[in-house]
Amino acid sequence: MDAGEFDRWYAGSYPRLVAQLTALIGNRAEAQDCVQEAFIRAWDKAPRLDSTGERDAWVRTTAYRLAVSRWRRVRRGRELSARTAVTGYDALARSEVRADVLGALLRLPIDQRRVLVLHYFADRSVAQIAAETGAPEGTVKARLHRGRLALADILTQSAHGSIR
């Protein structure tokens, strides 16, 4: 892949990957940083990254791992404060996806949130999600099912005003 092709791939994929990672981690600025770092790493691996879909999966997985590593470093140093959670939610409210759905996603366990984001935001199949996350297909299907039920429950409660 030459520099021009890499630039076109970056321009087409960056906004979508940032939106997907924002839905996963709840902080748009952090998502932008992690996706940017993942693309920097992808440049070094460009000759080995073949298809565009797999390139996106590689960058998404790398960005997610970077975000988790950063989160673990912060967690080791201190517990996340309520103020950080509010800041993350505010960043989501400005994203291109509705804040109520993103707020509900953030209340789900990370494994369920990850498969829902990959399936609905990244248009990945169960098999592709299994390959990207390293989980068996049956586990991915179960997480999708449980995640959908939990998300519906949270959104229903929110619609009835029982969530503050």
N, C-alpha and C. Protein backbone atom coordinates (compact mmCIF):
# COMPACT_ATOMS: atom_id res chain seq x y z
N MET A 1 0.86 -1.17 0.00
CA MET A 1 0.00 0.00 0.00
C MET A 1 0.91 1.23 0.00
N ASP A 2 0.68 2.14 -0.94
CA ASP A 2 1.49 3.34 -1.00
C ASP A 2 0.89 4.44 -0.12
N ALA A 3 1.57 5.56 -0.01
CA ALA A 3 1.15 6.65 0.87
C ALA A 3 -0.22 7.21 0.47
N GLY A 4 -0.46 7.33 -0.83
CA GLY A 4 -1.75 7.85 -1.29
C GLY A 4 -2.91 6.94 -0.91
N GLU A 5 -2.72 5.64 -1.09
CA GLU A 5 -3.75 4.68 -0.72
C GLU A 5 -3.98 4.69 0.79
N PHE A 6 -2.89 4.79 1.56
CA PHE A 6 -3.02 4.85 3.02
C PHE A 6 -3.80 6.10 3.43
N ASP A 7 -3.49 7.23 2.80
CA ASP A 7 -4.19 8.48 3.11
C ASP A 7 -5.68 8.39 2.80
N ARG A 8 -6.02 7.77 1.68
CA ARG A 8 -7.44 7.59 1.33
C ARG A 8 -8.15 6.68 2.34
N TRP A 9 -7.47 5.61 2.72
CA TRP A 9 -8.03 4.70 3.72
C TRP A 9 -8.24 5.43 5.04
N TYR A 10 -7.24 6.18 5.46
CA TYR A 10 -7.32 6.93 6.71
C TYR A 10 -8.49 7.91 6.67
N ALA A 11 -8.59 8.68 5.59
CA ALA A 11 -9.66 9.68 5.47
C ALA A 11 -11.04 9.04 5.50
N GLY A 12 -11.18 7.89 4.89
CA GLY A 12 -12.48 7.22 4.85
C GLY A 12 -12.83 6.47 6.12
N SER A 13 -11.83 5.98 6.82
CA SER A 13 -12.09 5.12 7.99
C SER A 13 -12.01 5.83 9.32
N TYR A 14 -11.20 6.86 9.42
CA TYR A 14 -10.96 7.51 10.72
C TYR A 14 -12.26 7.95 11.42
N PRO A 15 -13.14 8.71 10.76
CA PRO A 15 -14.34 9.17 11.47
C PRO A 15 -15.22 8.01 11.96
N ARG A 16 -15.36 7.00 11.14
CA ARG A 16 -16.19 5.84 11.50
C ARG A 16 -15.58 5.09 12.67
N LEU A 17 -14.27 4.88 12.66
CA LEU A 17 -13.60 4.16 13.73
C LEU A 17 -13.62 4.95 15.04
N VAL A 18 -13.50 6.26 14.95
CA VAL A 18 -13.60 7.10 16.15
C VAL A 18 -15.00 6.99 16.75
N ALA A 19 -16.02 7.03 15.92
CA ALA A 19 -17.40 6.90 16.42
C ALA A 19 -17.61 5.55 17.09
N GLN A 20 -17.07 4.50 16.51
CA GLN A 20 -17.22 3.16 17.08
C GLN A 20 -16.49 3.05 18.42
N LEU A 21 -15.27 3.56 18.49
CA LEU A 21 -14.51 3.49 19.74
C LEU A 21 -15.12 4.39 20.80
N THR A 22 -15.68 5.52 20.39
CA THR A 22 -16.37 6.40 21.34
C THR A 22 -17.52 5.65 21.99
N ALA A 23 -18.24 4.90 21.21
CA ALA A 23 -19.35 4.12 21.76
C ALA A 23 -18.85 3.05 22.72
N LEU A 24 -17.66 2.54 22.48
CA LEU A 24 -17.09 1.51 23.35
C LEU A 24 -16.57 2.08 24.66
N ILE A 25 -15.86 3.20 24.59
CA ILE A 25 -15.17 3.68 25.78
C ILE A 25 -15.82 4.90 26.42
N GLY A 26 -16.71 5.58 25.70
CA GLY A 26 -17.44 6.69 26.29
C GLY A 26 -16.73 8.02 26.33
N ASN A 27 -15.62 8.16 25.63
CA ASN A 27 -14.89 9.43 25.64
C ASN A 27 -14.35 9.68 24.24
N ARG A 28 -14.91 10.68 23.59
CA ARG A 28 -14.56 10.95 22.19
C ARG A 28 -13.10 11.37 22.02
N ALA A 29 -12.61 12.23 22.90
CA ALA A 29 -11.23 12.69 22.78
C ALA A 29 -10.26 11.52 22.95
N GLU A 30 -10.52 10.66 23.90
CA GLU A 30 -9.68 9.47 24.11
C GLU A 30 -9.77 8.55 22.89
N ALA A 31 -10.96 8.41 22.35
CA ALA A 31 -11.14 7.58 21.16
C ALA A 31 -10.33 8.14 19.99
N GLN A 32 -10.37 9.44 19.80
CA GLN A 32 -9.60 10.06 18.72
C GLN A 32 -8.11 9.79 18.90
N ASP A 33 -7.62 9.95 20.13
CA ASP A 33 -6.19 9.70 20.40
C ASP A 33 -5.82 8.25 20.10
N CYS A 34 -6.64 7.32 20.56
CA CYS A 34 -6.32 5.90 20.39
C CYS A 34 -6.39 5.49 18.92
N VAL A 35 -7.39 5.97 18.19
CA VAL A 35 -7.49 5.64 16.76
C VAL A 35 -6.31 6.24 16.00
N GLN A 36 -5.94 7.46 16.36
CA GLN A 36 -4.79 8.10 15.71
C GLN A 36 -3.52 7.27 15.95
N GLU A 37 -3.30 6.86 17.19
CA GLU A 37 -2.14 6.04 17.52
C GLU A 37 -2.18 4.71 16.77
N ALA A 38 -3.36 4.12 16.66
CA ALA A 38 -3.49 2.85 15.94
C ALA A 38 -3.14 3.03 14.47
N PHE A 39 -3.55 4.15 13.86
CA PHE A 39 -3.19 4.39 12.46
C PHE A 39 -1.69 4.59 12.30
N ILE A 40 -1.06 5.22 13.27
CA ILE A 40 0.39 5.38 13.22
C ILE A 40 1.06 4.01 13.21
N ARG A 41 0.56 3.12 14.05
CA ARG A 41 1.10 1.76 14.08
C ARG A 41 0.76 1.00 12.80
N ALA A 42 -0.40 1.28 12.23
CA ALA A 42 -0.80 0.61 10.98
C ALA A 42 0.13 1.00 9.83
N TRP A 43 0.64 2.21 9.84
CA TRP A 43 1.53 2.65 8.78
C TRP A 43 2.74 1.72 8.69
N ASP A 44 3.26 1.31 9.87
CA ASP A 44 4.40 0.40 9.88
C ASP A 44 4.05 -0.99 9.37
N LYS A 45 2.79 -1.36 9.49
CA LYS A 45 2.34 -2.69 9.07
C LYS A 45 1.58 -2.65 7.73
N ALA A 46 1.54 -1.51 7.08
CA ALA A 46 0.74 -1.32 5.87
C ALA A 46 0.93 -2.42 4.82
N PRO A 47 2.14 -2.88 4.55
CA PRO A 47 2.28 -3.92 3.52
C PRO A 47 1.58 -5.24 3.89
N ARG A 48 1.41 -5.49 5.19
CA ARG A 48 0.80 -6.76 5.61
C ARG A 48 -0.70 -6.66 5.82
N LEU A 49 -1.25 -5.46 5.80
CA LEU A 49 -2.69 -5.28 5.96
C LEU A 49 -3.33 -5.30 4.58
N ASP A 50 -4.06 -6.36 4.28
CA ASP A 50 -4.56 -6.57 2.93
C ASP A 50 -5.88 -5.85 2.65
N SER A 51 -6.98 -6.46 3.04
CA SER A 51 -8.28 -5.92 2.66
C SER A 51 -8.69 -4.77 3.58
N THR A 52 -9.48 -3.85 3.03
CA THR A 52 -9.91 -2.68 3.79
C THR A 52 -10.67 -3.07 5.04
N GLY A 53 -11.56 -4.06 4.96
CA GLY A 53 -12.32 -4.49 6.14
C GLY A 53 -11.41 -5.01 7.23
N GLU A 54 -10.39 -5.76 6.83
CA GLU A 54 -9.45 -6.28 7.81
C GLU A 54 -8.54 -5.18 8.33
N ARG A 55 -8.24 -4.20 7.51
CA ARG A 55 -7.46 -3.05 7.97
C ARG A 55 -8.23 -2.33 9.08
N ASP A 56 -9.51 -2.08 8.82
CA ASP A 56 -10.35 -1.42 9.82
C ASP A 56 -10.41 -2.23 11.11
N ALA A 57 -10.55 -3.54 10.97
CA ALA A 57 -10.61 -4.41 12.15
C ALA A 57 -9.30 -4.33 12.93
N TRP A 58 -8.18 -4.31 12.21
CA TRP A 58 -6.89 -4.24 12.88
C TRP A 58 -6.75 -2.92 13.64
N VAL A 59 -7.11 -1.81 12.99
CA VAL A 59 -7.02 -0.51 13.65
C VAL A 59 -7.99 -0.43 14.82
N ARG A 60 -9.21 -0.91 14.63
CA ARG A 60 -10.22 -0.87 15.71
C ARG A 60 -9.74 -1.68 16.91
N THR A 61 -9.22 -2.87 16.68
CA THR A 61 -8.73 -3.72 17.76
C THR A 61 -7.53 -3.07 18.46
N THR A 62 -6.61 -2.53 17.68
CA THR A 62 -5.44 -1.88 18.26
C THR A 62 -5.86 -0.66 19.08
N ALA A 63 -6.77 0.14 18.55
CA ALA A 63 -7.24 1.33 19.27
C ALA A 63 -7.95 0.93 20.56
N TYR A 64 -8.75 -0.12 20.49
CA TYR A 64 -9.45 -0.60 21.68
C TYR A 64 -8.44 -1.06 22.73
N ARG A 65 -7.43 -1.79 22.32
CA ARG A 65 -6.40 -2.25 23.26
C ARG A 65 -5.63 -1.08 23.87
N LEU A 66 -5.35 -0.08 23.07
CA LEU A 66 -4.69 1.12 23.59
C LEU A 66 -5.57 1.80 24.65
N ALA A 67 -6.86 1.89 24.35
CA ALA A 67 -7.78 2.51 25.30
C ALA A 67 -7.84 1.72 26.60
N VAL A 68 -7.90 0.40 26.50
CA VAL A 68 -7.94 -0.44 27.70
C VAL A 68 -6.65 -0.27 28.49
N SER A 69 -5.52 -0.22 27.82
CA SER A 69 -4.24 -0.04 28.51
C SER A 69 -4.20 1.30 29.24
N ARG A 70 -4.68 2.34 28.59
CA ARG A 70 -4.73 3.65 29.23
C ARG A 70 -5.66 3.62 30.43
N TRP A 71 -6.80 2.98 30.26
CA TRP A 71 -7.77 2.91 31.35
C TRP A 71 -7.17 2.16 32.54
N ARG A 72 -6.48 1.09 32.28
CA ARG A 72 -5.86 0.32 33.37
C ARG A 72 -4.81 1.14 34.10
N ARG A 73 -4.04 1.94 33.37
CA ARG A 73 -3.05 2.79 34.02
C ARG A 73 -3.72 3.81 34.93
N VAL A 74 -4.80 4.40 34.43
CA VAL A 74 -5.53 5.38 35.25
C VAL A 74 -6.14 4.70 36.47
N ARG A 75 -6.70 3.52 36.25
CA ARG A 75 -7.34 2.79 37.34
C ARG A 75 -6.34 2.41 38.42
N ARG A 76 -5.17 2.01 38.01
CA ARG A 76 -4.14 1.67 38.99
C ARG A 76 -3.79 2.88 39.84
N GLY A 77 -3.74 4.03 39.22
CA GLY A 77 -3.35 5.25 39.93
C GLY A 77 -4.43 5.79 40.85
N ARG A 78 -5.67 5.65 40.43
CA ARG A 78 -6.79 6.17 41.23
C ARG A 78 -8.10 5.62 40.71
N GLU A 79 -9.12 5.68 41.51
CA GLU A 79 -10.44 5.25 41.07
C GLU A 79 -11.04 6.37 40.21
N LEU A 80 -11.81 5.96 39.20
CA LEU A 80 -12.45 6.96 38.36
C LEU A 80 -13.47 7.74 39.19
N SER A 81 -13.44 9.04 39.05
CA SER A 81 -14.36 9.87 39.82
C SER A 81 -15.67 10.08 39.07
N ALA A 82 -16.67 10.50 39.79
CA ALA A 82 -17.96 10.79 39.16
C ALA A 82 -17.81 11.91 38.13
N ARG A 83 -16.90 12.82 38.37
CA ARG A 83 -16.67 13.92 37.44
C ARG A 83 -16.17 13.41 36.09
N THR A 84 -15.31 12.39 36.08
CA THR A 84 -14.82 11.81 34.84
C THR A 84 -15.96 11.19 34.06
N ALA A 85 -16.86 10.49 34.76
CA ALA A 85 -18.00 9.87 34.09
C ALA A 85 -18.88 10.92 33.43
N VAL A 86 -19.09 12.05 34.09
CA VAL A 86 -19.91 13.12 33.51
C VAL A 86 -19.22 13.70 32.29
N THR A 87 -17.92 13.90 32.36
CA THR A 87 -17.18 14.41 31.21
C THR A 87 -17.30 13.47 30.03
N GLY A 88 -17.19 12.17 30.28
CA GLY A 88 -17.32 11.19 29.20
C GLY A 88 -18.69 11.24 28.57
N TYR A 89 -19.73 11.38 29.39
CA TYR A 89 -21.09 11.43 28.86
C TYR A 89 -21.28 12.70 28.03
N ASP A 90 -20.74 13.83 28.52
CA ASP A 90 -20.86 15.08 27.77
C ASP A 90 -20.20 14.97 26.40
N ALA A 91 -19.05 14.31 26.34
CA ALA A 91 -18.38 14.13 25.06
C ALA A 91 -19.24 13.29 24.13
N LEU A 92 -19.92 12.30 24.67
CA LEU A 92 -20.79 11.46 23.84
C LEU A 92 -21.98 12.25 23.32
N ALA A 93 -22.49 13.15 24.13
CA ALA A 93 -23.67 13.90 23.74
C ALA A 93 -23.41 14.72 22.47
N ARG A 94 -22.16 15.08 22.23
CA ARG A 94 -21.82 15.86 21.04
C ARG A 94 -21.52 14.98 19.84
N SER A 95 -21.46 13.68 20.01
CA SER A 95 -21.13 12.80 18.90
C SER A 95 -22.33 12.67 17.97
N GLU A 96 -22.09 11.99 16.84
CA GLU A 96 -23.13 11.87 15.83
C GLU A 96 -24.19 10.84 16.18
N VAL A 97 -24.02 10.13 17.27
CA VAL A 97 -25.00 9.13 17.69
C VAL A 97 -25.76 9.68 18.88
N ARG A 98 -27.04 9.34 18.97
CA ARG A 98 -27.88 9.89 20.03
C ARG A 98 -27.33 9.59 21.41
N ALA A 99 -27.36 10.61 22.27
CA ALA A 99 -26.79 10.50 23.61
C ALA A 99 -27.54 9.48 24.47
N ASP A 100 -28.85 9.33 24.28
CA ASP A 100 -29.57 8.38 25.12
C ASP A 100 -29.14 6.95 24.84
N VAL A 101 -28.91 6.60 23.59
CA VAL A 101 -28.46 5.26 23.26
C VAL A 101 -27.03 5.05 23.75
N LEU A 102 -26.18 6.04 23.56
CA LEU A 102 -24.80 5.92 24.02
C LEU A 102 -24.74 5.84 25.54
N GLY A 103 -25.56 6.62 26.21
CA GLY A 103 -25.61 6.54 27.67
C GLY A 103 -26.03 5.16 28.13
N ALA A 104 -26.98 4.58 27.43
CA ALA A 104 -27.43 3.22 27.77
C ALA A 104 -26.33 2.21 27.47
N LEU A 105 -25.64 2.37 26.35
CA LEU A 105 -24.53 1.47 26.03
C LEU A 105 -23.47 1.49 27.12
N LEU A 106 -23.20 2.66 27.65
CA LEU A 106 -22.16 2.78 28.67
C LEU A 106 -22.53 2.08 29.97
N ARG A 107 -23.79 1.78 30.14
CA ARG A 107 -24.23 1.07 31.34
C ARG A 107 -24.12 -0.44 31.21
N LEU A 108 -23.84 -0.91 30.00
CA LEU A 108 -23.71 -2.35 29.76
C LEU A 108 -22.31 -2.83 30.12
N PRO A 109 -22.18 -4.11 30.45
CA PRO A 109 -20.84 -4.68 30.64
C PRO A 109 -20.04 -4.53 29.34
N ILE A 110 -18.74 -4.34 29.47
CA ILE A 110 -17.90 -4.04 28.31
C ILE A 110 -17.97 -5.13 27.24
N ASP A 111 -18.08 -6.40 27.62
CA ASP A 111 -18.15 -7.47 26.61
C ASP A 111 -19.41 -7.35 25.76
N GLN A 112 -20.54 -7.05 26.40
CA GLN A 112 -21.78 -6.86 25.65
C GLN A 112 -21.71 -5.59 24.81
N ARG A 113 -21.20 -4.54 25.39
CA ARG A 113 -21.08 -3.26 24.66
C ARG A 113 -20.21 -3.44 23.43
N ARG A 114 -19.11 -4.15 23.58
CA ARG A 114 -18.18 -4.31 22.47
C ARG A 114 -18.83 -5.04 21.30
N VAL A 115 -19.52 -6.15 21.56
CA VAL A 115 -20.13 -6.89 20.44
C VAL A 115 -21.27 -6.10 19.82
N LEU A 116 -22.02 -5.35 20.61
CA LEU A 116 -23.11 -4.53 20.04
C LEU A 116 -22.54 -3.44 19.14
N VAL A 117 -21.48 -2.78 19.58
CA VAL A 117 -20.87 -1.73 18.77
C VAL A 117 -20.29 -2.32 17.49
N LEU A 118 -19.59 -3.43 17.60
CA LEU A 118 -19.01 -4.04 16.40
C LEU A 118 -20.10 -4.50 15.43
N HIS A 119 -21.19 -5.04 15.97
CA HIS A 119 -22.26 -5.55 15.11
C HIS A 119 -23.07 -4.41 14.47
N TYR A 120 -23.48 -3.45 15.27
CA TYR A 120 -24.39 -2.41 14.75
C TYR A 120 -23.68 -1.15 14.25
N PHE A 121 -22.55 -0.80 14.82
CA PHE A 121 -21.87 0.42 14.38
C PHE A 121 -20.83 0.10 13.30
N ALA A 122 -20.18 -1.07 13.43
CA ALA A 122 -19.12 -1.43 12.48
C ALA A 122 -19.61 -2.42 11.43
N ASP A 123 -20.88 -2.83 11.50
CA ASP A 123 -21.46 -3.76 10.53
C ASP A 123 -20.65 -5.04 10.38
N ARG A 124 -20.21 -5.59 11.50
CA ARG A 124 -19.44 -6.83 11.49
C ARG A 124 -20.37 -8.01 11.73
N SER A 125 -20.10 -9.10 11.07
CA SER A 125 -20.88 -10.33 11.26
C SER A 125 -20.44 -11.00 12.57
N VAL A 126 -21.22 -11.98 12.99
CA VAL A 126 -20.87 -12.73 14.20
C VAL A 126 -19.49 -13.37 14.03
N ALA A 127 -19.24 -13.95 12.88
CA ALA A 127 -17.94 -14.60 12.63
C ALA A 127 -16.80 -13.58 12.68
N GLN A 128 -17.02 -12.42 12.09
CA GLN A 128 -15.98 -11.38 12.11
C GLN A 128 -15.74 -10.87 13.53
N ILE A 129 -16.81 -10.71 14.30
CA ILE A 129 -16.66 -10.27 15.69
C ILE A 129 -15.90 -11.32 16.49
N ALA A 130 -16.23 -12.58 16.27
CA ALA A 130 -15.54 -13.66 16.97
C ALA A 130 -14.04 -13.62 16.66
N ALA A 131 -13.71 -13.44 15.39
CA ALA A 131 -12.30 -13.38 15.00
C ALA A 131 -11.61 -12.17 15.61
N GLU A 132 -12.29 -11.04 15.63
CA GLU A 132 -11.69 -9.81 16.14
C GLU A 132 -11.52 -9.81 17.65
N THR A 133 -12.47 -10.39 18.36
CA THR A 133 -12.42 -10.38 19.82
C THR A 133 -11.78 -11.62 20.42
N GLY A 134 -11.65 -12.68 19.62
CA GLY A 134 -11.08 -13.91 20.12
C GLY A 134 -12.07 -14.75 20.91
N ALA A 135 -13.35 -14.43 20.83
CA ALA A 135 -14.39 -15.18 21.53
C ALA A 135 -15.06 -16.15 20.55
N PRO A 136 -15.53 -17.29 21.04
CA PRO A 136 -16.25 -18.22 20.16
C PRO A 136 -17.53 -17.57 19.62
N GLU A 137 -17.99 -18.02 18.46
CA GLU A 137 -19.19 -17.46 17.85
C GLU A 137 -20.40 -17.59 18.77
N GLY A 138 -20.53 -18.70 19.46
CA GLY A 138 -21.64 -18.87 20.39
C GLY A 138 -21.63 -17.84 21.50
N THR A 139 -20.45 -17.51 21.97
CA THR A 139 -20.32 -16.48 23.01
C THR A 139 -20.72 -15.11 22.45
N VAL A 140 -20.29 -14.83 21.23
CA VAL A 140 -20.65 -13.56 20.59
C VAL A 140 -22.17 -13.46 20.45
N LYS A 141 -22.81 -14.54 20.01
CA LYS A 141 -24.27 -14.55 19.86
C LYS A 141 -24.95 -14.33 21.21
N ALA A 142 -24.44 -14.98 22.25
CA ALA A 142 -25.03 -14.82 23.59
C ALA A 142 -24.86 -13.39 24.09
N ARG A 143 -23.69 -12.81 23.85
CA ARG A 143 -23.46 -11.42 24.28
C ARG A 143 -24.35 -10.45 23.52
N LEU A 144 -24.53 -10.70 22.23
CA LEU A 144 -25.43 -9.87 21.44
C LEU A 144 -26.86 -9.96 21.99
N HIS A 145 -27.30 -11.17 22.26
CA HIS A 145 -28.66 -11.37 22.78
C HIS A 145 -28.84 -10.69 24.13
N ARG A 146 -27.93 -10.96 25.05
CA ARG A 146 -28.03 -10.36 26.39
C ARG A 146 -27.89 -8.83 26.31
N GLY A 147 -27.00 -8.37 25.46
CA GLY A 147 -26.80 -6.93 25.31
C GLY A 147 -28.04 -6.23 24.77
N ARG A 148 -28.68 -6.84 23.78
CA ARG A 148 -29.92 -6.27 23.23
C ARG A 148 -31.01 -6.19 24.30
N LEU A 149 -31.16 -7.28 25.07
CA LEU A 149 -32.17 -7.28 26.13
C LEU A 149 -31.88 -6.21 27.18
N ALA A 150 -30.64 -6.14 27.61
CA ALA A 150 -30.26 -5.15 28.63
C ALA A 150 -30.42 -3.74 28.10
N LEU A 151 -30.03 -3.51 26.85
CA LEU A 151 -30.15 -2.19 26.25
C LEU A 151 -31.62 -1.79 26.14
N ALA A 152 -32.47 -2.71 25.71
CA ALA A 152 -33.91 -2.43 25.63
C ALA A 152 -34.47 -2.09 26.99
N ASP A 153 -34.05 -2.83 28.02
CA ASP A 153 -34.53 -2.58 29.38
C ASP A 153 -34.10 -1.19 29.86
N ILE A 154 -32.85 -0.84 29.64
CA ILE A 154 -32.34 0.47 30.06
C ILE A 154 -33.08 1.59 29.33
N LEU A 155 -33.26 1.44 28.03
CA LEU A 155 -33.93 2.48 27.25
C LEU A 155 -35.40 2.59 27.63
N THR A 156 -36.04 1.48 27.94
CA THR A 156 -37.44 1.50 28.38
C THR A 156 -37.56 2.22 29.72
N GLN A 157 -36.66 1.90 30.65
CA GLN A 157 -36.66 2.58 31.95
C GLN A 157 -36.43 4.07 31.77
N SER A 158 -35.51 4.41 30.89
CA SER A 158 -35.19 5.82 30.63
C SER A 158 -36.40 6.55 30.05
N ALA A 159 -37.10 5.89 29.15
CA ALA A 159 -38.28 6.49 28.51
C ALA A 159 -39.40 6.74 29.53
N HIS A 160 -39.44 5.91 30.55
CA HIS A 160 -40.46 6.06 31.59
C HIS A 160 -39.99 6.94 32.74
N GLY A 161 -38.77 7.50 32.60
CA GLY A 161 -38.27 8.44 33.60
C GLY A 161 -37.78 7.82 34.89
N SER A 162 -37.51 6.52 34.89
CA SER A 162 -37.08 5.89 36.14
C SER A 162 -35.56 5.83 36.29
N ILE A 163 -34.83 6.40 35.32
CA ILE A 163 -33.36 6.47 35.43
C ILE A 163 -32.98 7.92 35.63
N ARG A 164 -32.12 8.15 36.52
CA ARG A 164 -31.65 9.52 36.80
C ARG A 164 -30.23 9.67 36.35
